[in-house]
Amino acid sequence: MPRSIVKRDGGTVVFDAGKMRSAIARAGRATGEFDDEAAGRLTGETIKVIAHRFAGATPQIEEVQDIVEQVLIAADYFATARAYIVYREKRGQARQDHKAMVDVAAS
């Protein structure tokens, strides 16, 4: 498992599998496709892929989220994968909107 992860702003923080597990569990609860126990198994699968793909390297948050999506799809949790993808898109748009507002305010 990686020791750290690169945030969107380029900063590096300690890798916290608990945050990933929480996001997976919330997505499963939102769709009703799986429970917390299954979220734990999916988190374990995600960590295996991350450890293999980034052995000795530091992954970026977007790369980790891409792997979460792949694990959800591989486990046939398509509704949850879709909800996770849509949530990521909405958050990305909100970040862009906020950046545009800050840029306009700074001008």
C-alpha atoms as a PDB file:
ATOM      1  CA  MET A   1       0.000   0.000   0.000  1.00  0.00           C
ATOM      2  CA  PRO A   2       1.366   3.446  -0.789  1.00  0.00           C
ATOM      3  CA  ARG A   3       2.494   5.598   2.109  1.00  0.00           C
ATOM      4  CA  SER A   4       1.255   8.825   0.550  1.00  0.00           C
ATOM      5  CA  ILE A   5      -0.979  10.237  -2.158  1.00  0.00           C
ATOM      6  CA  VAL A   6      -0.750  13.373  -4.291  1.00  0.00           C
ATOM      7  CA  LYS A   7      -3.714  15.707  -3.849  1.00  0.00           C
ATOM      8  CA  ARG A   8      -5.238  17.752  -6.676  1.00  0.00           C
ATOM      9  CA  ASP A   9      -3.315  20.839  -5.571  1.00  0.00           C
ATOM     10  CA  GLY A  10      -0.031  18.936  -5.873  1.00  0.00           C
ATOM     11  CA  GLY A  11       0.454  18.523  -2.136  1.00  0.00           C
ATOM     12  CA  THR A  12       1.315  15.128  -0.707  1.00  0.00           C
ATOM     13  CA  VAL A  13      -0.517  13.653   2.283  1.00  0.00           C
ATOM     14  CA  VAL A  14      -0.498  10.316   4.081  1.00  0.00           C
ATOM     15  CA  PHE A  15      -2.496   7.659   2.217  1.00  0.00           C
ATOM     16  CA  ASP A  16      -5.616   6.917   4.276  1.00  0.00           C
ATOM     17  CA  ALA A  17      -7.445   3.778   3.171  1.00  0.00           C
ATOM     18  CA  GLY A  18     -10.211   4.695   5.630  1.00  0.00           C
ATOM     19  CA  LYS A  19     -11.207   7.671   3.498  1.00  0.00           C
ATOM     20  CA  MET A  20     -11.438   5.447   0.447  1.00  0.00           C
ATOM     21  CA  ARG A  21     -13.468   2.859   2.358  1.00  0.00           C
ATOM     22  CA  SER A  22     -15.812   5.595   3.569  1.00  0.00           C
ATOM     23  CA  ALA A  23     -16.367   6.885   0.017  1.00  0.00           C
ATOM     24  CA  ILE A  24     -17.041   3.374  -1.287  1.00  0.00           C
ATOM     25  CA  ALA A  25     -19.443   2.646   1.587  1.00  0.00           C
ATOM     26  CA  ARG A  26     -21.328   5.927   1.049  1.00  0.00           C
ATOM     27  CA  ALA A  27     -21.673   5.167  -2.652  1.00  0.00           C
ATOM     28  CA  GLY A  28     -22.978   1.663  -1.919  1.00  0.00           C
ATOM     29  CA  ARG A  29     -25.476   2.970   0.615  1.00  0.00           C
ATOM     30  CA  ALA A  30     -26.639   5.679  -1.795  1.00  0.00           C
ATOM     31  CA  THR A  31     -27.511   3.116  -4.458  1.00  0.00           C
ATOM     32  CA  GLY A  32     -28.494   0.324  -2.088  1.00  0.00           C
ATOM     33  CA  GLU A  33     -26.283  -2.110  -3.997  1.00  0.00           C
ATOM     34  CA  PHE A  34     -24.088  -3.221  -1.103  1.00  0.00           C
ATOM     35  CA  ASP A  35     -23.435  -2.838   2.614  1.00  0.00           C
ATOM     36  CA  ASP A  36     -20.432  -1.809   4.718  1.00  0.00           C
ATOM     37  CA  GLU A  37     -19.038  -5.342   4.740  1.00  0.00           C
ATOM     38  CA  ALA A  38     -18.938  -5.402   0.947  1.00  0.00           C
ATOM     39  CA  ALA A  39     -17.403  -1.919   1.007  1.00  0.00           C
ATOM     40  CA  GLY A  40     -14.582  -3.352   3.090  1.00  0.00           C
ATOM     41  CA  ARG A  41     -13.975  -6.125   0.553  1.00  0.00           C
ATOM     42  CA  LEU A  42     -14.064  -3.640  -2.329  1.00  0.00           C
ATOM     43  CA  THR A  43     -11.603  -1.421  -0.487  1.00  0.00           C
ATOM     44  CA  GLY A  44      -9.280  -4.401  -0.079  1.00  0.00           C
ATOM     45  CA  GLU A  45      -9.483  -5.140  -3.792  1.00  0.00           C
ATOM     46  CA  THR A  46      -8.805  -1.501  -4.596  1.00  0.00           C
ATOM     47  CA  ILE A  47      -5.761  -1.451  -2.323  1.00  0.00           C
ATOM     48  CA  LYS A  48      -4.386  -4.593  -4.029  1.00  0.00           C
ATOM     49  CA  VAL A  49      -4.649  -2.910  -7.434  1.00  0.00           C
ATOM     50  CA  ILE A  50      -3.083   0.315  -6.147  1.00  0.00           C
ATOM     51  CA  ALA A  51      -0.223  -1.575  -4.469  1.00  0.00           C
ATOM     52  CA  HIS A  52       0.473  -3.511  -7.662  1.00  0.00           C
ATOM     53  CA  ARG A  53       0.146  -0.577 -10.048  1.00  0.00           C
ATOM     54  CA  PHE A  54       2.078   1.935  -7.926  1.00  0.00           C
ATOM     55  CA  ALA A  55       4.692  -0.251  -6.252  1.00  0.00           C
ATOM     56  CA  GLY A  56       7.236   2.218  -4.903  1.00  0.00           C
ATOM     57  CA  ALA A  57       5.446   5.220  -6.451  1.00  0.00           C
ATOM     58  CA  THR A  58       3.009   7.789  -5.125  1.00  0.00           C
ATOM     59  CA  PRO A  59      -0.389   7.750  -6.854  1.00  0.00           C
ATOM     60  CA  GLN A  60      -2.454  10.832  -7.532  1.00  0.00           C
ATOM     61  CA  ILE A  61      -5.972  11.102  -6.112  1.00  0.00           C
ATOM     62  CA  GLU A  62      -7.526  10.948  -9.591  1.00  0.00           C
ATOM     63  CA  GLU A  63      -5.660   7.707 -10.327  1.00  0.00           C
ATOM     64  CA  VAL A  64      -6.942   6.157  -7.106  1.00  0.00           C
ATOM     65  CA  GLN A  65     -10.504   7.234  -7.912  1.00  0.00           C
ATOM     66  CA  ASP A  66     -10.167   5.715 -11.390  1.00  0.00           C
ATOM     67  CA  ILE A  67      -9.175   2.418  -9.776  1.00  0.00           C
ATOM     68  CA  VAL A  68     -12.167   2.579  -7.410  1.00  0.00           C
ATOM     69  CA  GLU A  69     -14.414   2.940 -10.474  1.00  0.00           C
ATOM     70  CA  GLN A  70     -12.745  -0.040 -12.170  1.00  0.00           C
ATOM     71  CA  VAL A  71     -13.144  -2.205  -9.062  1.00  0.00           C
ATOM     72  CA  LEU A  72     -16.837  -1.296  -8.756  1.00  0.00           C
ATOM     73  CA  ILE A  73     -17.415  -2.169 -12.409  1.00  0.00           C
ATOM     74  CA  ALA A  74     -15.449  -5.435 -12.143  1.00  0.00           C
ATOM     75  CA  ALA A  75     -17.622  -6.389  -9.145  1.00  0.00           C
ATOM     76  CA  ASP A  76     -20.791  -5.746 -11.207  1.00  0.00           C
ATOM     77  CA  TYR A  77     -21.872  -2.765  -9.098  1.00  0.00           C
ATOM     78  CA  PHE A  78     -22.731  -0.726 -12.176  1.00  0.00           C
ATOM     79  CA  ALA A  79     -25.246   1.614 -10.530  1.00  0.00           C
ATOM     80  CA  THR A  80     -22.747   2.471  -7.807  1.00  0.00           C
ATOM     81  CA  ALA A  81     -19.950   2.949 -10.336  1.00  0.00           C
ATOM     82  CA  ARG A  82     -22.181   5.307 -12.303  1.00  0.00           C
ATOM     83  CA  ALA A  83     -23.155   7.240  -9.172  1.00  0.00           C
ATOM     84  CA  TYR A  84     -19.479   7.484  -8.194  1.00  0.00           C
ATOM     85  CA  ILE A  85     -18.544   8.761 -11.655  1.00  0.00           C
ATOM     86  CA  VAL A  86     -21.368  11.316 -11.694  1.00  0.00           C
ATOM     87  CA  TYR A  87     -20.397  12.506  -8.202  1.00  0.00           C
ATOM     88  CA  ARG A  88     -16.783  12.962  -9.315  1.00  0.00           C
ATOM     89  CA  GLU A  89     -17.925  14.949 -12.348  1.00  0.00           C
ATOM     90  CA  LYS A  90     -20.146  17.216 -10.243  1.00  0.00           C
ATOM     91  CA  ARG A  91     -17.346  17.822  -7.719  1.00  0.00           C
ATOM     92  CA  GLY A  92     -14.944  18.575 -10.557  1.00  0.00           C
ATOM     93  CA  GLN A  93     -17.379  21.082 -12.015  1.00  0.00           C
ATOM     94  CA  ALA A  94     -17.875  22.683  -8.599  1.00  0.00           C
ATOM     95  CA  ARG A  95     -14.089  23.037  -8.242  1.00  0.00           C
ATOM     96  CA  GLN A  96     -13.900  24.647 -11.690  1.00  0.00           C
ATOM     97  CA  ASP A  97     -16.760  27.022 -10.871  1.00  0.00           C
ATOM     98  CA  HIS A  98     -15.106  28.009  -7.606  1.00  0.00           C
ATOM     99  CA  LYS A  99     -11.778  28.593  -9.365  1.00  0.00           C
ATOM    100  CA  ALA A 100     -13.493  30.796 -11.964  1.00  0.00           C
ATOM    101  CA  MET A 101     -15.177  32.828  -9.219  1.00  0.00           C
ATOM    102  CA  VAL A 102     -11.873  33.285  -7.409  1.00  0.00           C
ATOM    103  CA  ASP A 103     -10.146  34.282 -10.662  1.00  0.00           C
ATOM    104  CA  VAL A 104     -12.851  36.867 -11.426  1.00  0.00           C
ATOM    105  CA  ALA A 105     -12.736  38.241  -7.871  1.00  0.00           C
ATOM    106  CA  ALA A 106      -8.951  38.553  -8.054  1.00  0.00           C
ATOM    107  CA  SER A 107      -9.100  40.570 -11.301  1.00  0.00           C
END
